[in-house]
Amino acid sequence: MASSYTSRIRLTKQGDGENPNTWGTILNNQVIDLVDDAVASYTTISIGSAATVTLTENEGAADQSRSAFLELKGSVGGANNTISLVIPAKSKSYVINNKVSANTTASDIVKMKTASGQGYDIPLGSVGLVICDGTSVHSINAKGFNLGTAASADIGVCATNIPDTSLADIRYLRTSVTVNTTLMGTKTFLGALTFTSGGITLNHGSFVVSTSARIYNPIVTVTDAACISVNFAKGNNFLVTLAGNRTLKAPTNCTVGQGGNIYFIQDSTGSRTLSYNTAWQFVSATVPTLSTGASDVDIMVYSARSATTIDAVVLKDFDR
C-alpha cells in the first residue's frame, strides 16, 4: 500500500508494510520534523516586484506554507501597489510579522489570500494572527479577545480597574463612554477631557487643580426676547444684550447649588428695563434696576437655593 498525506499540513502516512528499512527515518523526517515546523517554525518570506508571491506547498517535505510564523520583508508600491501572498486553501492559522516597507502607506498593501478566496490586507508594521478557513483568510478581531470595540473596551486588571495612563499610552483608554464609569484611587489625566453630556460626581476626596492650570466655564449667549429664558443646563455664565424692555423668566433646568453670572448689556440706545419672575430673590426683597446708559454692563451673581428659588445680587455699571 503506497504512502499518502494528511490533507492540511501534508504529513506522510506510510502504507502498511511499506519502507521496511527506512520507516523510522521517514517518520522522523516527514512527520515529526514537519509537525515541529507547523507548531513553531519561523520562516522569512521576501516580497519583491512580483504581483503574486505563492508560498511553497510540499507533501512530506519542508515548505513555507506549513510554518507557524511568517515574517514578511521587502517593499511594496514599486511595480505593484498590491502584492498578493497566496497560501494553500487549507484550514490553518498563521502569526504574521509584517516588516514590509511601503512607498505610499495609504495605498500600498500586502494581501494574504488563497488562490480563489477572499483576502486580508495585512497592516504594515503589524504582528498578528490570521486564520484561513480553507477558502478565505480572516484576521482575529477585538470581539475575539472579548474587548468589544474601541468605544466600549474595558482594559485593565489592576485594583483601580483602569490603569494610570498618559497621552503616550492613550490607546488603553476608551475612545468614548456612554454609560456610568467609576474611577477609584488617584488618577492623573494629561491632555484635554471632554464631556458631551452627563457630568462628574466626586464622592470623596478633593478635585485639585495644580499651578499652570485653570478651571473655567464659557459664557453662553442668550437670545434676546420680550421674555428672556435662560437654560441652566447650558452652563453657568450667560450674556444677553437688551434691545427693549424685558422680563427675566424663571430659569429652566435649575439644579440646587448651581451658581454663576448673568451679564445684562444695554444696546446702543440704552434705558432698557428688566423685570423679574418671582423665582429670582434679592437682598432685602428689593428688586434691582439696571444701569440705563448706552452699552452699560451689569452683572447678576446668582446661586440656586432650590430648583425654584434663585438668590441673586446685581452689580452695576462696569466701566472705567
Protein backbone atom coordinates (compact mmCIF):
# COMPACT_ATOMS: atom_id res chain seq x y z
CA MET A 1 0.00 0.00 0.00
CA ALA A 2 1.52 3.33 -1.12
CA SER A 3 2.08 6.27 1.18
CA SER A 4 -0.48 9.11 1.34
CA TYR A 5 -0.51 12.54 3.03
CA THR A 6 -2.63 14.35 5.56
CA SER A 7 -4.96 16.91 3.98
CA ARG A 8 -3.91 20.06 5.87
CA ILE A 9 -0.22 20.08 6.77
CA ARG A 10 0.81 17.31 4.37
CA LEU A 11 2.40 14.78 6.74
CA THR A 12 3.44 11.41 5.29
CA LYS A 13 1.15 8.46 6.10
CA GLN A 14 3.17 5.36 5.30
CA GLY A 15 1.33 2.40 3.90
CA ASP A 16 1.05 -0.96 5.64
CA GLY A 17 4.29 -2.91 5.14
CA GLU A 18 5.93 -0.06 3.22
CA ASN A 19 9.53 1.13 3.74
CA PRO A 20 10.72 -1.76 5.99
CA ASN A 21 14.27 -0.42 6.27
CA THR A 22 13.55 3.33 6.27
CA TRP A 23 10.22 3.53 8.07
CA GLY A 24 11.73 5.22 11.15
CA THR A 25 13.71 7.74 9.10
CA ILE A 26 10.63 8.71 7.11
CA LEU A 27 8.62 9.04 10.35
CA ASN A 28 11.25 11.39 11.76
CA ASN A 29 11.81 13.48 8.63
CA GLN A 30 8.37 13.54 7.04
CA VAL A 31 6.14 13.57 10.13
CA ILE A 32 7.81 14.59 13.37
CA ASP A 33 10.03 17.31 11.86
CA LEU A 34 7.12 18.68 9.85
CA VAL A 35 4.84 18.79 12.89
CA ASP A 36 7.61 20.76 14.58
CA ASP A 37 7.53 23.22 11.64
CA ALA A 38 3.74 23.53 11.81
CA VAL A 39 3.87 24.32 15.53
CA ALA A 40 6.96 26.50 15.88
CA SER A 41 8.82 27.21 12.63
CA TYR A 42 9.64 30.89 11.88
CA THR A 43 10.03 31.49 8.16
CA THR A 44 11.02 34.70 6.37
CA ILE A 45 9.22 35.49 3.10
CA SER A 46 10.72 38.06 0.74
CA ILE A 47 8.34 40.44 -1.00
CA GLY A 48 9.70 41.96 -4.20
CA SER A 49 8.48 43.28 -7.53
CA ALA A 50 6.21 40.33 -8.38
CA ALA A 51 2.47 40.94 -8.03
CA THR A 52 1.98 37.47 -6.51
CA VAL A 53 4.13 35.55 -4.05
CA THR A 54 2.96 31.96 -3.61
CA LEU A 55 4.15 30.05 -0.57
CA THR A 56 5.64 26.66 -1.35
CA GLU A 57 3.48 23.62 -0.58
CA ASN A 58 5.21 20.21 -0.47
CA GLU A 59 3.83 16.82 0.52
CA GLY A 60 6.00 15.08 3.08
CA ALA A 61 8.80 17.68 2.79
CA ALA A 62 9.70 21.06 4.24
CA ASP A 63 7.95 24.09 2.74
CA GLN A 64 6.97 27.69 3.57
CA SER A 65 3.21 27.38 3.99
CA ARG A 66 3.44 24.83 6.81
CA SER A 67 5.28 27.28 9.11
CA ALA A 68 3.52 28.67 12.16
CA PHE A 69 5.19 32.10 11.98
CA LEU A 70 5.80 34.13 8.83
CA GLU A 71 7.98 37.23 8.70
CA LEU A 72 7.37 39.36 5.62
CA LYS A 73 10.17 41.61 4.43
CA GLY A 74 10.89 43.68 1.34
CA SER A 75 8.85 46.52 -0.12
CA VAL A 76 5.56 47.17 -1.85
CA GLY A 77 4.48 50.07 -4.03
CA GLY A 78 7.10 49.86 -6.76
CA ALA A 79 5.83 47.90 -9.75
CA ASN A 80 2.65 46.94 -7.85
CA ASN A 81 0.58 48.70 -5.19
CA THR A 82 -0.94 45.41 -4.05
CA ILE A 83 1.10 42.23 -3.68
CA SER A 84 -0.82 39.01 -3.04
CA LEU A 85 0.68 36.48 -0.64
CA VAL A 86 -1.01 33.24 -1.69
CA ILE A 87 -1.33 30.37 0.78
CA PRO A 88 -2.83 26.89 0.32
CA ALA A 89 -6.63 26.65 0.51
CA LYS A 90 -6.40 24.59 3.71
CA SER A 91 -7.62 25.45 7.19
CA LYS A 92 -4.69 26.78 9.20
CA SER A 93 -3.60 29.71 11.38
CA TYR A 94 -0.53 31.90 10.95
CA VAL A 95 1.16 34.54 13.06
CA ILE A 96 2.31 37.29 10.67
CA ASN A 97 5.14 39.73 11.41
CA ASN A 98 4.79 42.28 8.61
CA LYS A 99 8.09 44.16 8.21
CA VAL A 100 7.41 45.16 4.62
CA SER A 101 8.01 48.84 3.82
CA ALA A 102 5.71 50.83 1.55
CA ASN A 103 6.31 53.70 -0.82
CA THR A 104 2.85 55.13 -0.09
CA THR A 105 1.32 53.65 3.05
CA ALA A 106 -2.20 54.81 2.17
CA SER A 107 -2.45 52.57 -0.89
CA ASP A 108 0.39 50.01 -0.81
CA ILE A 109 -0.64 46.73 0.79
CA VAL A 110 0.22 43.05 1.13
CA LYS A 111 -2.91 40.93 0.81
CA MET A 112 -2.85 37.40 2.24
CA LYS A 113 -5.26 35.10 0.42
CA THR A 114 -5.87 31.72 -1.14
CA ALA A 115 -5.90 31.36 -4.92
CA SER A 116 -9.66 31.98 -5.16
CA GLY A 117 -10.96 33.13 -1.75
CA GLN A 118 -11.34 36.47 0.00
CA GLY A 119 -8.11 38.02 1.24
CA TYR A 120 -6.96 40.03 4.24
CA ASP A 121 -4.93 43.25 3.96
CA ILE A 122 -2.08 42.85 6.45
CA PRO A 123 -1.39 46.20 8.18
CA LEU A 124 2.15 47.44 7.63
CA GLY A 125 4.27 47.01 10.76
CA SER A 126 1.73 44.73 12.42
CA VAL A 127 2.22 41.46 14.27
CA GLY A 128 -0.99 39.47 14.41
CA LEU A 129 -2.89 36.24 14.00
CA VAL A 130 -4.68 35.33 10.77
CA ILE A 131 -6.87 32.33 10.10
CA CYS A 132 -7.63 30.51 6.85
CA ASP A 133 -10.94 28.63 6.84
CA GLY A 134 -9.95 26.61 3.78
CA THR A 135 -11.29 29.24 1.39
CA SER A 136 -10.72 32.76 2.71
CA VAL A 137 -8.33 34.48 5.10
CA HIS A 138 -9.56 36.33 8.19
CA SER A 139 -7.95 38.38 10.96
CA ILE A 140 -8.80 37.97 14.61
CA ASN A 141 -10.88 40.91 15.84
CA ALA A 142 -11.44 42.75 19.12
CA LYS A 143 -14.51 40.68 19.97
CA GLY A 144 -12.34 37.58 19.70
CA PHE A 145 -10.40 38.94 22.68
CA ASN A 146 -13.67 39.84 24.47
CA LEU A 147 -12.74 43.54 24.22
CA GLY A 148 -15.72 44.78 22.22
CA THR A 149 -14.96 47.87 20.17
CA ALA A 150 -12.71 50.83 20.96
CA ALA A 151 -15.78 52.71 22.17
CA SER A 152 -16.66 50.12 24.82
CA ALA A 153 -13.44 48.28 25.69
CA ASP A 154 -12.60 47.76 29.36
CA ILE A 155 -8.90 47.07 29.63
CA GLY A 156 -7.05 46.66 32.91
CA VAL A 157 -6.87 44.19 35.76
CA CYS A 158 -5.49 46.41 38.49
CA ALA A 159 -7.40 47.18 41.67
CA THR A 160 -8.45 50.56 40.33
CA ASN A 161 -9.96 49.00 37.19
CA ILE A 162 -8.40 51.47 34.73
CA PRO A 163 -4.60 51.71 34.62
CA ASP A 164 -2.91 55.08 35.11
CA THR A 165 -2.01 56.33 31.68
CA SER A 166 -0.68 59.27 29.69
CA LEU A 167 -1.32 60.54 26.19
CA ALA A 168 1.58 58.39 25.02
CA ASP A 169 -0.46 55.34 26.07
CA ILE A 170 -3.95 56.71 25.43
CA ARG A 171 -4.77 53.66 23.30
CA TYR A 172 -5.60 51.85 26.55
CA LEU A 173 -8.49 54.23 27.29
CA ARG A 174 -11.95 54.11 25.81
CA THR A 175 -12.49 56.41 22.87
CA SER A 176 -15.94 57.21 24.25
CA VAL A 177 -18.11 56.26 27.22
CA THR A 178 -21.90 56.04 27.03
CA VAL A 179 -22.52 54.53 30.48
CA ASN A 180 -21.58 55.48 34.03
CA THR A 181 -17.92 54.85 34.80
CA THR A 182 -16.32 54.71 38.26
CA LEU A 183 -12.70 55.71 38.77
CA MET A 184 -11.21 54.59 42.06
CA GLY A 185 -7.99 55.88 43.58
CA THR A 186 -5.85 58.76 42.37
CA LYS A 187 -5.97 59.45 38.63
CA THR A 188 -3.84 61.78 36.57
CA PHE A 189 -5.06 62.87 33.13
CA LEU A 190 -2.67 64.57 30.73
CA GLY A 191 -4.37 66.49 27.96
CA ALA A 192 -7.99 67.53 27.50
CA LEU A 193 -11.08 65.72 28.78
CA THR A 194 -14.36 66.46 27.04
CA PHE A 195 -17.79 65.55 28.42
CA THR A 196 -20.58 65.97 25.85
CA SER A 197 -23.31 65.04 28.33
CA GLY A 198 -23.73 63.94 31.93
CA GLY A 199 -21.21 65.10 34.50
CA ILE A 200 -18.64 64.23 37.15
CA THR A 201 -19.64 63.22 40.66
CA LEU A 202 -16.94 63.40 43.35
CA ASN A 203 -18.00 61.30 46.36
CA HIS A 204 -14.85 61.64 48.46
CA GLY A 205 -11.56 63.49 48.49
CA SER A 206 -10.68 66.62 46.56
CA PHE A 207 -10.60 67.83 43.00
CA VAL A 208 -7.24 69.59 42.75
CA VAL A 209 -6.15 71.97 40.00
CA SER A 210 -2.40 72.47 40.17
CA THR A 211 -0.37 75.51 39.20
CA SER A 212 -0.24 76.40 35.50
CA ALA A 213 -3.80 75.09 35.14
CA ARG A 214 -7.30 76.54 35.32
CA ILE A 215 -10.99 75.74 35.51
CA TYR A 216 -13.41 77.95 33.63
CA ASN A 217 -16.95 77.93 32.30
CA PRO A 218 -17.64 79.63 28.95
CA ILE A 219 -20.17 82.44 28.66
CA VAL A 220 -23.35 81.32 26.89
CA THR A 221 -25.08 83.97 24.77
CA VAL A 222 -28.83 84.08 25.48
CA THR A 223 -31.34 85.10 22.80
CA ASP A 224 -32.89 88.47 23.50
CA ALA A 225 -36.70 88.43 23.60
CA ALA A 226 -39.59 90.12 25.37
CA CYS A 227 -39.39 87.32 27.95
CA ILE A 228 -35.81 86.14 28.35
CA SER A 229 -35.36 82.43 29.03
CA VAL A 230 -32.10 81.10 30.49
CA ASN A 231 -31.46 77.36 30.32
CA PHE A 232 -29.21 76.47 33.26
CA ALA A 233 -28.36 73.14 31.61
CA LYS A 234 -26.31 75.07 29.04
CA GLY A 235 -23.74 76.38 31.51
CA ASN A 236 -23.18 78.69 34.48
CA ASN A 237 -22.37 82.02 32.89
CA PHE A 238 -24.69 83.81 30.47
CA LEU A 239 -24.87 87.07 28.50
CA VAL A 240 -27.77 88.89 26.89
CA THR A 241 -27.90 92.25 25.11
CA LEU A 242 -31.18 94.07 25.79
CA ALA A 243 -32.85 95.66 22.76
CA GLY A 244 -36.04 96.61 24.60
CA ASN A 245 -37.80 96.44 27.95
CA ARG A 246 -37.65 92.81 29.07
CA THR A 247 -38.78 90.27 31.66
CA LEU A 248 -36.39 87.60 33.00
CA LYS A 249 -38.32 84.34 33.27
CA ALA A 250 -37.61 81.61 35.85
CA PRO A 251 -34.63 79.58 34.56
CA THR A 252 -35.18 76.13 33.16
CA ASN A 253 -33.26 73.03 34.31
CA CYS A 254 -32.16 74.65 37.54
CA THR A 255 -30.04 72.47 39.85
CA VAL A 256 -29.74 73.15 43.56
CA GLY A 257 -26.34 74.66 44.33
CA GLN A 258 -25.68 75.89 40.80
CA GLY A 259 -24.17 79.35 40.68
CA GLY A 260 -22.73 81.77 38.18
CA ASN A 261 -23.13 85.13 36.50
CA ILE A 262 -25.56 86.67 34.03
CA TYR A 263 -24.35 89.71 32.06
CA PHE A 264 -27.02 92.26 31.08
CA ILE A 265 -25.77 94.69 28.43
CA GLN A 266 -27.71 97.71 27.24
CA ASP A 267 -27.84 98.11 23.48
CA SER A 268 -26.65 101.30 21.76
CA THR A 269 -29.92 103.02 22.68
CA GLY A 270 -29.88 102.23 26.41
CA SER A 271 -32.58 102.86 29.03
CA ARG A 272 -33.84 99.28 28.71
CA THR A 273 -35.60 97.99 31.84
CA LEU A 274 -35.71 94.47 33.23
CA SER A 275 -38.36 92.90 35.44
CA TYR A 276 -38.02 89.53 37.12
CA ASN A 277 -40.01 86.37 37.70
CA THR A 278 -40.61 85.70 41.39
CA ALA A 279 -38.15 82.81 41.27
CA TRP A 280 -35.43 85.48 41.48
CA GLN A 281 -34.87 86.60 45.10
CA PHE A 282 -32.91 89.73 46.01
CA VAL A 283 -31.27 91.28 49.08
CA SER A 284 -33.85 92.79 51.49
CA ALA A 285 -36.55 91.86 48.95
CA THR A 286 -35.50 94.88 46.89
CA VAL A 287 -35.80 94.29 43.17
CA PRO A 288 -32.83 95.94 41.44
CA THR A 289 -32.92 98.26 38.48
CA LEU A 290 -30.32 98.11 35.73
CA SER A 291 -27.93 100.79 34.59
CA THR A 292 -29.51 102.78 31.77
CA GLY A 293 -26.63 104.18 29.75
CA ALA A 294 -25.99 103.03 26.20
CA SER A 295 -23.88 99.84 26.21
CA ASP A 296 -23.79 99.75 30.05
CA VAL A 297 -22.81 96.39 31.53
CA ASP A 298 -24.40 94.94 34.69
CA ILE A 299 -23.69 91.52 36.21
CA MET A 300 -26.17 89.42 38.18
CA VAL A 301 -24.38 86.99 40.51
CA TYR A 302 -26.72 84.10 41.37
CA SER A 303 -26.93 80.91 43.46
CA ALA A 304 -29.76 78.38 43.26
CA ARG A 305 -31.17 77.75 46.74
CA SER A 306 -33.72 75.34 45.26
CA ALA A 307 -34.99 74.40 41.83
CA THR A 308 -37.46 77.29 42.01
CA THR A 309 -35.61 79.83 44.18
CA ILE A 310 -32.52 81.63 42.93
CA ASP A 311 -30.80 84.14 45.19
CA ALA A 312 -29.14 86.98 43.28
CA VAL A 313 -27.43 90.34 43.53
CA VAL A 314 -26.89 92.82 40.70
CA LEU A 315 -23.55 94.61 40.36
CA LYS A 316 -23.97 97.68 38.18
CA ASP A 317 -22.23 99.72 35.50
CA PHE A 318 -18.91 98.00 34.84
CA ASP A 319 -16.69 100.51 33.10
CA ARG A 320 -13.54 102.58 33.52
